[in-house]
C-alpha atoms as a PDB file:
ATOM      1  CA  UNK A   1       6.678   6.125   6.261  1.00  0.00           C
ATOM      2  CA  UNK A   2       9.653   7.156   5.022  1.00  0.00           C
ATOM      3  CA  UNK A   3       9.364   8.414   1.325  1.00  0.00           C
ATOM      4  CA  UNK A   4       7.982  11.916  -0.041  1.00  0.00           C
ATOM      5  CA  UNK A   5       6.089  12.607  -3.024  1.00  0.00           C
ATOM      6  CA  UNK A   6       6.666  15.665  -4.919  1.00  0.00           C
ATOM      7  CA  UNK A   7       3.815  17.138  -7.745  1.00  0.00           C
ATOM      8  CA  UNK A   8       6.175  19.365 -10.024  1.00  0.00           C
ATOM      9  CA  UNK A   9       4.043  19.119 -12.395  1.00  0.00           C
ATOM     10  CA  UNK A  10       0.232  20.790 -13.359  1.00  0.00           C
ATOM     11  CA  UNK A  11      -0.693  19.356 -16.130  1.00  0.00           C
ATOM     12  CA  UNK A  12      -2.586  15.999 -15.064  1.00  0.00           C
ATOM     13  CA  UNK A  13      -4.523  15.416 -12.060  1.00  0.00           C
ATOM     14  CA  UNK A  14      -3.013  13.190  -9.377  1.00  0.00           C
ATOM     15  CA  UNK A  15      -4.942  11.820  -6.520  1.00  0.00           C
ATOM     16  CA  UNK A  16      -1.794  12.149  -3.824  1.00  0.00           C
ATOM     17  CA  UNK A  17      -3.872  10.224  -1.474  1.00  0.00           C
ATOM     18  CA  UNK A  18      -4.150   6.750  -3.367  1.00  0.00           C
ATOM     19  CA  UNK A  19      -0.813   7.058  -4.642  1.00  0.00           C
ATOM     20  CA  UNK A  20       0.494   7.285  -1.154  1.00  0.00           C
ATOM     21  CA  UNK A  21      -1.627   3.990  -0.257  1.00  0.00           C
ATOM     22  CA  UNK A  22      -0.053   2.875  -3.344  1.00  0.00           C
ATOM     23  CA  UNK A  23       3.358   3.001  -2.174  1.00  0.00           C
ATOM     24  CA  UNK A  24       2.331   1.663   1.261  1.00  0.00           C
ATOM     25  CA  UNK A  25       0.849  -1.855  -0.144  1.00  0.00           C
ATOM     26  CA  UNK A  26       4.140  -2.146  -2.731  1.00  0.00           C
ATOM     27  CA  UNK A  27       6.692  -1.337   0.087  1.00  0.00           C
ATOM     28  CA  UNK A  28       4.941  -4.051   2.328  1.00  0.00           C
ATOM     29  CA  UNK A  29       4.770  -6.611  -0.348  1.00  0.00           C
ATOM     30  CA  UNK A  30       8.731  -5.461  -1.075  1.00  0.00           C
ATOM     31  CA  UNK A  31       9.549  -6.093   2.567  1.00  0.00           C
ATOM     32  CA  UNK A  32      10.993  -2.569   2.796  1.00  0.00           C
ATOM     33  CA  UNK A  33       8.111  -0.775   4.671  1.00  0.00           C
ATOM     34  CA  UNK A  34      10.709   1.787   6.500  1.00  0.00           C
ATOM     35  CA  UNK A  35      12.686   2.248   2.889  1.00  0.00           C
ATOM     36  CA  UNK A  36      13.436   5.955   2.640  1.00  0.00           C
ATOM     37  CA  UNK A  37      12.882   7.400  -1.309  1.00  0.00           C
ATOM     38  CA  UNK A  38      11.344  10.297  -3.107  1.00  0.00           C
ATOM     39  CA  UNK A  39       8.867  10.035  -5.946  1.00  0.00           C
ATOM     40  CA  UNK A  40       8.618  13.473  -8.378  1.00  0.00           C
ATOM     41  CA  UNK A  41       6.120  13.529 -10.851  1.00  0.00           C
ATOM     42  CA  UNK A  42       7.299  16.073 -13.641  1.00  0.00           C
ATOM     43  CA  UNK A  43       6.570  16.954 -17.333  1.00  0.00           C
ATOM     44  CA  UNK A  44       7.828  15.362 -20.226  1.00  0.00           C
ATOM     45  CA  UNK A  45      10.218  19.041 -20.472  1.00  0.00           C
ATOM     46  CA  UNK A  46      11.645  18.392 -17.294  1.00  0.00           C
ATOM     47  CA  UNK A  47      12.571  14.857 -17.751  1.00  0.00           C
ATOM     48  CA  UNK A  48      13.785  15.321 -21.039  1.00  0.00           C
ATOM     49  CA  UNK A  49      16.674  17.128 -19.558  1.00  0.00           C
ATOM     50  CA  UNK A  50      17.052  14.210 -17.182  1.00  0.00           C
ATOM     51  CA  UNK A  51      17.199  11.924 -19.523  1.00  0.00           C
ATOM     52  CA  UNK A  52      19.457  13.508 -21.523  1.00  0.00           C
ATOM     53  CA  UNK A  53      22.016  14.281 -18.781  1.00  0.00           C
ATOM     54  CA  UNK A  54      22.165  10.662 -17.295  1.00  0.00           C
ATOM     55  CA  UNK A  55      21.211   8.610 -20.036  1.00  0.00           C
ATOM     56  CA  UNK A  56      22.592  10.509 -23.196  1.00  0.00           C
ATOM     57  CA  UNK A  57      18.938  10.456 -24.783  1.00  0.00           C
ATOM     58  CA  UNK A  58      17.330  13.397 -25.958  1.00  0.00           C
ATOM     59  CA  UNK A  59      13.844  12.621 -25.469  1.00  0.00           C
ATOM     60  CA  UNK A  60      11.470  11.885 -22.782  1.00  0.00           C
ATOM     61  CA  UNK A  61      10.968   9.005 -20.801  1.00  0.00           C
ATOM     62  CA  UNK A  62       8.299   7.549 -18.629  1.00  0.00           C
ATOM     63  CA  UNK A  63      10.064   6.519 -15.329  1.00  0.00           C
ATOM     64  CA  UNK A  64      13.666   7.514 -14.430  1.00  0.00           C
ATOM     65  CA  UNK A  65      15.249   6.110 -11.084  1.00  0.00           C
ATOM     66  CA  UNK A  66      18.503   7.263  -8.882  1.00  0.00           C
ATOM     67  CA  UNK A  67      19.668   4.812  -6.424  1.00  0.00           C
ATOM     68  CA  UNK A  68      21.041   6.700  -3.257  1.00  0.00           C
ATOM     69  CA  UNK A  69      23.620   5.683  -0.684  1.00  0.00           C
ATOM     70  CA  UNK A  70      23.140   4.640   3.165  1.00  0.00           C
ATOM     71  CA  UNK A  71      19.632   4.319   4.271  1.00  0.00           C
ATOM     72  CA  UNK A  72      18.122   6.392   1.729  1.00  0.00           C
ATOM     73  CA  UNK A  73      16.915   4.109  -1.267  1.00  0.00           C
ATOM     74  CA  UNK A  74      17.184   7.338  -3.801  1.00  0.00           C
ATOM     75  CA  UNK A  75      14.672   9.109  -6.072  1.00  0.00           C
ATOM     76  CA  UNK A  76      12.035   7.835  -8.686  1.00  0.00           C
ATOM     77  CA  UNK A  77      11.204  10.759 -11.334  1.00  0.00           C
ATOM     78  CA  UNK A  78       7.844  10.096 -13.386  1.00  0.00           C
ATOM     79  CA  UNK A  79       6.694  12.219 -16.332  1.00  0.00           C
ATOM     80  CA  UNK A  80       2.721  12.100 -15.883  1.00  0.00           C
ATOM     81  CA  UNK A  81       2.547  13.872 -19.409  1.00  0.00           C
ATOM     82  CA  UNK A  82       4.055  10.319 -20.633  1.00  0.00           C
ATOM     83  CA  UNK A  83       2.534   8.380 -18.262  1.00  0.00           C
ATOM     84  CA  UNK A  84      -0.987   9.917 -19.474  1.00  0.00           C
ATOM     85  CA  UNK A  85      -0.278   9.685 -23.063  1.00  0.00           C
ATOM     86  CA  UNK A  86       0.868   5.290 -22.670  1.00  0.00           C
ATOM     87  CA  UNK A  87      -2.798   4.758 -20.454  1.00  0.00           C
ATOM     88  CA  UNK A  88      -4.647   7.143 -23.045  1.00  0.00           C
ATOM     89  CA  UNK A  89      -3.263   4.807 -25.999  1.00  0.00           C
ATOM     90  CA  UNK A  90      -4.088   1.910 -24.142  1.00  0.00           C
ATOM     91  CA  UNK A  91      -6.852  -0.234 -24.092  1.00  0.00           C
ATOM     92  CA  UNK A  92      -6.351  -1.663 -20.132  1.00  0.00           C
ATOM     93  CA  UNK A  93      -4.360   0.741 -18.735  1.00  0.00           C
ATOM     94  CA  UNK A  94      -5.775   3.959 -16.959  1.00  0.00           C
ATOM     95  CA  UNK A  95      -3.570   6.794 -16.098  1.00  0.00           C
ATOM     96  CA  UNK A  96      -3.755   6.236 -12.288  1.00  0.00           C
ATOM     97  CA  UNK A  97      -2.679   2.740 -12.688  1.00  0.00           C
ATOM     98  CA  UNK A  98      -0.041   3.477 -15.221  1.00  0.00           C
ATOM     99  CA  UNK A  99       1.529   5.862 -12.583  1.00  0.00           C
ATOM    100  CA  UNK A 100       1.506   2.781 -10.141  1.00  0.00           C
ATOM    101  CA  UNK A 101       3.050   0.402 -12.665  1.00  0.00           C
ATOM    102  CA  UNK A 102       5.839   3.487 -13.430  1.00  0.00           C
ATOM    103  CA  UNK A 103       6.381   3.341  -9.425  1.00  0.00           C
ATOM    104  CA  UNK A 104       6.734  -0.464  -8.939  1.00  0.00           C
ATOM    105  CA  UNK A 105       9.560  -0.345 -12.107  1.00  0.00           C
ATOM    106  CA  UNK A 106      11.237   2.618 -10.337  1.00  0.00           C
ATOM    107  CA  UNK A 107      11.703   1.088  -6.604  1.00  0.00           C
ATOM    108  CA  UNK A 108      12.733  -2.160  -8.523  1.00  0.00           C
ATOM    109  CA  UNK A 109      15.368  -0.008  -9.782  1.00  0.00           C
ATOM    110  CA  UNK A 110      15.820   1.333  -6.401  1.00  0.00           C
ATOM    111  CA  UNK A 111      16.275  -1.828  -4.653  1.00  0.00           C
ATOM    112  CA  UNK A 112      18.913  -2.829  -7.106  1.00  0.00           C
ATOM    113  CA  UNK A 113      17.149  -4.715 -10.240  1.00  0.00           C
ATOM    114  CA  UNK A 114      18.335  -4.370 -13.522  1.00  0.00           C
ATOM    115  CA  UNK A 115      16.032  -5.779 -16.339  1.00  0.00           C
ATOM    116  CA  UNK A 116      18.839  -5.201 -18.762  1.00  0.00           C
ATOM    117  CA  UNK A 117      20.982  -7.083 -16.840  1.00  0.00           C
ATOM    118  CA  UNK A 118      19.128  -9.463 -14.703  1.00  0.00           C
ATOM    119  CA  UNK A 119      18.290 -12.503 -17.279  1.00  0.00           C
ATOM    120  CA  UNK A 120      14.712 -11.582 -16.415  1.00  0.00           C
ATOM    121  CA  UNK A 121      14.341 -11.518 -12.691  1.00  0.00           C
ATOM    122  CA  UNK A 122      13.584  -7.997 -12.433  1.00  0.00           C
ATOM    123  CA  UNK A 123      10.787  -8.765 -15.288  1.00  0.00           C
ATOM    124  CA  UNK A 124       9.065 -11.687 -13.796  1.00  0.00           C
ATOM    125  CA  UNK A 125       8.981  -9.871  -9.954  1.00  0.00           C
ATOM    126  CA  UNK A 126       7.238  -7.173 -11.882  1.00  0.00           C
ATOM    127  CA  UNK A 127       4.802  -9.199 -13.522  1.00  0.00           C
ATOM    128  CA  UNK A 128       4.046 -11.186 -10.672  1.00  0.00           C
ATOM    129  CA  UNK A 129       3.576  -7.768  -8.165  1.00  0.00           C
ATOM    130  CA  UNK A 130       1.613  -6.383 -11.121  1.00  0.00           C
ATOM    131  CA  UNK A 131      -0.903  -8.957 -10.846  1.00  0.00           C
ATOM    132  CA  UNK A 132      -1.219  -8.922  -6.786  1.00  0.00           C
ATOM    133  CA  UNK A 133      -1.470  -5.145  -7.012  1.00  0.00           C
ATOM    134  CA  UNK A 134      -3.929  -5.014  -9.680  1.00  0.00           C
ATOM    135  CA  UNK A 135      -1.912  -2.518 -11.912  1.00  0.00           C
END
């Protein structure tokens, strides 16, 4: 496996082993088992800076993806604070499942999908994979 998971926050405990297992299942489903990418878990404060600098939105968000080039798919940033709060306010999501959903969303973006411009293609793939991967 050619991916890196970096936990750069300490506010919420993350089971790295289970996250890596999910990444393995996800990349197999997307037929990109040898894809190179990174997943970085960060705080809302750090996410706010990236969202402001790259999207012009001065607020945190749950996930951002930055596409790479060549054989490198890119980087996925996930705010664990936002993910935790989303799960806490949900009747169906756990924190872990929400991290999986956000990772799925991010890797679809790295794979070239864009829900803002693709007439629902990314959303359909995401819904199908959420059911299949139970997240």
